Structures are given as structure tokens and as C-alpha cells.
């Protein structure tokens, strides 16, 4: 028997998806980062990071809309409101890669550039 699958991202994301992460502490919490993670001449950009608290039925844009390429998301194992994000930034300019720790209580976070 084959399980039926349903899309959970229709109506929400406009670009490509670079990263998806599901919280270990609550499987209904899903974080998605937009923007391709490959570096090449014709790469699709995204519009930030999204969060669902109901298993993907609804989504809310949580910010980082100018990051363009979110390539990794790691969720804190005990607090799914804290995420670690790797974002490339504008690929057409000097590489602005960043590792960002976000506390979603307030969208401000610590940004570590490398």
C-alpha cells in the first residue's frame, strides 16, 4: 500500500527552497528557508524564513527576507523558538555568508559573519 502525500507549501512560498528542518521536540513545528543553496550563474533567490506550528497547514514568514539564500536551518533540541540559520546573502555581490542565531521571541539575533 502506498501512502498518499499532500503538498504543504502551496500558497506560501514564491521561490525555491534551500532548507527544511523539523523540530525534534515537537514534530508539528517546521522551519523552511527560501533560496537555492547551489552557487552558479542562474540561481533562484528566496524571501526569508518561514515557520509552521501545525505540521505545515499554515505558515508565517519570520523574517530574514533579504538573506536570499538560506542553506541550513538547525533547531534547538529543547526550544524550537531558537534556530540557527546559515544564509549566503547576495550571491551577485561579494559573498556575505553568515551564521545567524535567531530567537523568535524577538526577531533580532546574533549574526556571526565569516
Protein backbone atom coordinates (compact mmCIF):
# COMPACT_ATOMS: atom_id res chain seq x y z
CA UNK A 1 0.00 0.00 0.00
CA UNK A 2 1.31 3.46 -0.94
CA UNK A 3 0.70 6.40 1.37
CA UNK A 4 -0.90 9.47 -0.20
CA UNK A 5 1.15 12.64 0.10
CA UNK A 6 -0.21 16.17 0.06
CA UNK A 7 1.74 19.38 -0.56
CA UNK A 8 2.13 21.59 2.50
CA UNK A 9 3.73 24.61 0.87
CA UNK A 10 1.19 25.64 -1.77
CA UNK A 11 0.11 29.29 -1.45
CA UNK A 12 3.08 30.24 0.74
CA UNK A 13 6.48 30.08 -0.92
CA UNK A 14 7.31 32.07 -4.03
CA UNK A 15 10.85 30.91 -4.74
CA UNK A 16 12.94 27.83 -4.33
CA UNK A 17 13.54 26.09 -1.01
CA UNK A 18 17.08 25.87 0.36
CA UNK A 19 16.49 24.25 3.75
CA UNK A 20 13.80 22.43 5.75
CA UNK A 21 14.02 21.45 9.40
CA UNK A 22 11.52 19.75 11.72
CA UNK A 23 11.80 20.24 15.48
CA UNK A 24 12.71 17.10 17.42
CA UNK A 25 10.86 18.42 20.46
CA UNK A 26 7.59 18.99 18.54
CA UNK A 27 7.11 17.36 15.13
CA UNK A 28 4.41 19.92 14.20
CA UNK A 29 6.98 22.73 14.18
CA UNK A 30 8.65 23.09 10.78
CA UNK A 31 11.08 25.77 9.64
CA UNK A 32 11.71 26.43 5.93
CA UNK A 33 14.33 28.70 4.39
CA UNK A 34 13.92 30.02 0.86
CA UNK A 35 16.55 30.37 -1.85
CA UNK A 36 18.70 27.83 -3.65
CA UNK A 37 21.85 26.67 -1.95
CA UNK A 38 23.83 25.99 -5.11
CA UNK A 39 26.27 28.61 -6.37
CA UNK A 40 26.06 29.02 -10.11
CA UNK A 41 25.21 31.64 -12.73
CA UNK A 42 21.43 31.23 -12.67
CA UNK A 43 20.38 30.71 -9.10
CA UNK A 44 16.91 31.36 -7.64
CA UNK A 45 16.63 33.64 -4.63
CA UNK A 46 14.17 33.36 -1.78
CA UNK A 47 12.27 35.61 0.58
CA UNK A 48 13.31 34.65 4.08
CA UNK A 49 12.47 32.02 6.65
CA UNK A 50 9.04 30.53 7.37
CA UNK A 51 7.62 28.68 10.37
CA UNK A 52 4.65 26.35 10.78
CA UNK A 53 3.38 25.27 14.19
CA UNK A 54 0.66 22.98 12.85
CA UNK A 55 2.53 20.48 10.72
CA UNK A 56 2.53 22.65 7.60
CA UNK A 57 -1.15 23.55 7.40
CA UNK A 58 -0.37 27.26 7.82
CA UNK A 59 2.88 29.25 7.53
CA UNK A 60 4.17 32.56 8.84
CA UNK A 61 7.14 34.45 7.40
CA UNK A 62 9.50 35.00 10.34
CA UNK A 63 11.93 37.41 8.68
CA UNK A 64 15.37 37.37 7.08
CA UNK A 65 13.66 38.44 3.86
CA UNK A 66 16.85 39.95 2.42
CA UNK A 67 19.03 36.91 3.15
CA UNK A 68 18.13 35.49 -0.30
CA UNK A 69 19.73 32.06 0.18
CA UNK A 70 19.07 30.12 3.39
CA UNK A 71 21.05 26.91 3.07
CA UNK A 72 20.85 25.32 6.53
CA UNK A 73 18.50 25.51 9.50
CA UNK A 74 19.11 23.82 12.84
CA UNK A 75 16.51 23.96 15.57
CA UNK A 76 17.49 23.99 19.24
CA UNK A 77 16.75 20.49 20.59
CA UNK A 78 14.70 21.73 23.56
CA UNK A 79 13.44 25.16 22.44
CA UNK A 80 12.03 25.21 18.89
CA UNK A 81 11.77 29.01 19.03
CA UNK A 82 15.57 29.19 18.80
CA UNK A 83 17.01 28.37 15.39
CA UNK A 84 20.46 28.55 13.84
CA UNK A 85 20.48 29.64 10.21
CA UNK A 86 23.21 29.66 7.58
CA UNK A 87 22.48 32.24 4.87
CA UNK A 88 24.61 33.15 1.85
CA UNK A 89 23.17 36.60 1.20
CA UNK A 90 23.54 38.30 -2.20
CA UNK A 91 25.47 35.93 -4.47
CA UNK A 92 25.95 38.57 -7.17
CA UNK A 93 27.94 40.76 -4.79
CA UNK A 94 30.86 39.95 -2.53
CA UNK A 95 29.90 36.85 -0.61
CA UNK A 96 28.16 37.82 2.60
CA UNK A 97 27.79 34.43 4.21
CA UNK A 98 26.52 34.49 7.77
CA UNK A 99 25.70 32.12 10.56
CA UNK A 100 22.74 33.53 12.44
CA UNK A 101 21.26 32.54 15.78
CA UNK A 102 17.67 33.71 15.95
CA UNK A 103 15.47 33.89 18.96
CA UNK A 104 11.99 34.04 17.54
CA UNK A 105 10.60 35.72 20.63
CA UNK A 106 12.21 38.80 19.10
CA UNK A 107 13.44 38.53 15.51
CA UNK A 108 16.75 40.16 16.41
CA UNK A 109 19.56 37.68 16.69
CA UNK A 110 23.29 37.33 16.89
CA UNK A 111 24.93 37.40 13.49
CA UNK A 112 28.36 35.89 13.00
CA UNK A 113 29.97 36.70 9.65
CA UNK A 114 32.74 34.59 8.23
